[in-house]
């Protein structure tokens, strides 16, 4: 988030929630993986990794899965 201008924000917590969503559930939904992207015990994947316009991996219960 370097260089991101947050000067006009009224609710920085809302921005933090949006950033977290964009990197977890939002990224998984964009990849077509509706059952991934949740940070919770026992969840299938916490984080979806992208390269350009395609998903290339995910973090799954502390493990990194690359495809």
C-alpha atoms as a PDB file:
ATOM      1  CA  UNK A   1       0.000   0.000   0.000  1.00  0.00           C
ATOM      2  CA  UNK A   2       3.015   2.240  -0.415  1.00  0.00           C
ATOM      3  CA  UNK A   3       2.167   5.486  -2.082  1.00  0.00           C
ATOM      4  CA  UNK A   4      -1.560   5.044  -1.516  1.00  0.00           C
ATOM      5  CA  UNK A   5      -3.146   8.407  -0.750  1.00  0.00           C
ATOM      6  CA  UNK A   6      -5.381   7.903   2.279  1.00  0.00           C
ATOM      7  CA  UNK A   7      -5.693  11.610   3.094  1.00  0.00           C
ATOM      8  CA  UNK A   8      -9.389  11.875   2.180  1.00  0.00           C
ATOM      9  CA  UNK A   9     -10.565   8.838   4.126  1.00  0.00           C
ATOM     10  CA  UNK A  10     -13.155   9.180   6.825  1.00  0.00           C
ATOM     11  CA  UNK A  11     -12.966   5.524   7.871  1.00  0.00           C
ATOM     12  CA  UNK A  12      -9.488   3.928   7.638  1.00  0.00           C
ATOM     13  CA  UNK A  13     -10.862   0.711   9.186  1.00  0.00           C
ATOM     14  CA  UNK A  14     -13.218   0.342   6.219  1.00  0.00           C
ATOM     15  CA  UNK A  15     -10.207   0.568   3.909  1.00  0.00           C
ATOM     16  CA  UNK A  16      -8.378  -2.093   5.931  1.00  0.00           C
ATOM     17  CA  UNK A  17     -11.409  -4.411   5.658  1.00  0.00           C
ATOM     18  CA  UNK A  18     -11.614  -3.832   1.900  1.00  0.00           C
ATOM     19  CA  UNK A  19      -7.885  -4.535   1.424  1.00  0.00           C
ATOM     20  CA  UNK A  20      -8.170  -7.753   3.448  1.00  0.00           C
ATOM     21  CA  UNK A  21     -11.241  -8.850   1.453  1.00  0.00           C
ATOM     22  CA  UNK A  22      -9.502  -8.086  -1.852  1.00  0.00           C
ATOM     23  CA  UNK A  23      -6.575 -10.341  -0.923  1.00  0.00           C
ATOM     24  CA  UNK A  24      -8.596 -13.215   0.538  1.00  0.00           C
ATOM     25  CA  UNK A  25     -12.210 -13.911  -0.424  1.00  0.00           C
ATOM     26  CA  UNK A  26     -12.325 -11.368  -3.248  1.00  0.00           C
ATOM     27  CA  UNK A  27      -9.280 -12.893  -4.943  1.00  0.00           C
ATOM     28  CA  UNK A  28     -10.656 -16.414  -4.502  1.00  0.00           C
ATOM     29  CA  UNK A  29     -14.036 -15.462  -5.954  1.00  0.00           C
ATOM     30  CA  UNK A  30     -12.288 -13.856  -8.939  1.00  0.00           C
ATOM     31  CA  UNK A  31     -10.454 -17.159  -9.498  1.00  0.00           C
ATOM     32  CA  UNK A  32     -13.762 -19.051  -9.379  1.00  0.00           C
ATOM     33  CA  UNK A  33     -13.016 -20.670  -6.008  1.00  0.00           C
ATOM     34  CA  UNK A  34     -16.058 -19.770  -3.906  1.00  0.00           C
ATOM     35  CA  UNK A  35     -15.055 -22.196  -1.142  1.00  0.00           C
ATOM     36  CA  UNK A  36     -11.611 -20.608  -0.576  1.00  0.00           C
ATOM     37  CA  UNK A  37     -10.425 -17.265   0.749  1.00  0.00           C
ATOM     38  CA  UNK A  38     -11.466 -17.441   4.374  1.00  0.00           C
ATOM     39  CA  UNK A  39      -9.019 -16.803   7.196  1.00  0.00           C
ATOM     40  CA  UNK A  40     -10.315 -19.209   9.821  1.00  0.00           C
ATOM     41  CA  UNK A  41      -9.218 -22.449  11.478  1.00  0.00           C
ATOM     42  CA  UNK A  42      -9.818 -25.339   9.088  1.00  0.00           C
ATOM     43  CA  UNK A  43     -10.538 -23.120   6.090  1.00  0.00           C
ATOM     44  CA  UNK A  44      -9.437 -24.421   2.688  1.00  0.00           C
ATOM     45  CA  UNK A  45      -7.180 -21.473   1.777  1.00  0.00           C
ATOM     46  CA  UNK A  46      -6.333 -18.140   3.291  1.00  0.00           C
ATOM     47  CA  UNK A  47      -4.781 -16.312   0.371  1.00  0.00           C
ATOM     48  CA  UNK A  48      -4.951 -16.609  -3.415  1.00  0.00           C
ATOM     49  CA  UNK A  49      -1.793 -15.712  -5.367  1.00  0.00           C
ATOM     50  CA  UNK A  50      -2.086 -14.036  -8.759  1.00  0.00           C
ATOM     51  CA  UNK A  51       0.370 -13.388 -11.569  1.00  0.00           C
ATOM     52  CA  UNK A  52      -1.003 -10.927 -14.046  1.00  0.00           C
ATOM     53  CA  UNK A  53      -4.582 -11.942 -14.791  1.00  0.00           C
ATOM     54  CA  UNK A  54      -4.505 -15.542 -13.612  1.00  0.00           C
ATOM     55  CA  UNK A  55      -4.358 -17.302 -10.254  1.00  0.00           C
ATOM     56  CA  UNK A  56      -1.096 -19.183  -9.764  1.00  0.00           C
ATOM     57  CA  UNK A  57      -1.372 -20.561  -6.249  1.00  0.00           C
ATOM     58  CA  UNK A  58      -2.801 -20.323  -2.789  1.00  0.00           C
ATOM     59  CA  UNK A  59      -1.774 -20.529   0.832  1.00  0.00           C
ATOM     60  CA  UNK A  60      -3.500 -23.514   2.382  1.00  0.00           C
ATOM     61  CA  UNK A  61      -3.273 -24.218   6.122  1.00  0.00           C
ATOM     62  CA  UNK A  62       0.241 -22.818   6.265  1.00  0.00           C
ATOM     63  CA  UNK A  63       1.361 -24.542   3.063  1.00  0.00           C
ATOM     64  CA  UNK A  64       2.004 -22.936  -0.286  1.00  0.00           C
ATOM     65  CA  UNK A  65       0.374 -24.633  -3.291  1.00  0.00           C
ATOM     66  CA  UNK A  66       1.645 -23.405  -6.697  1.00  0.00           C
ATOM     67  CA  UNK A  67       0.217 -24.521 -10.034  1.00  0.00           C
END
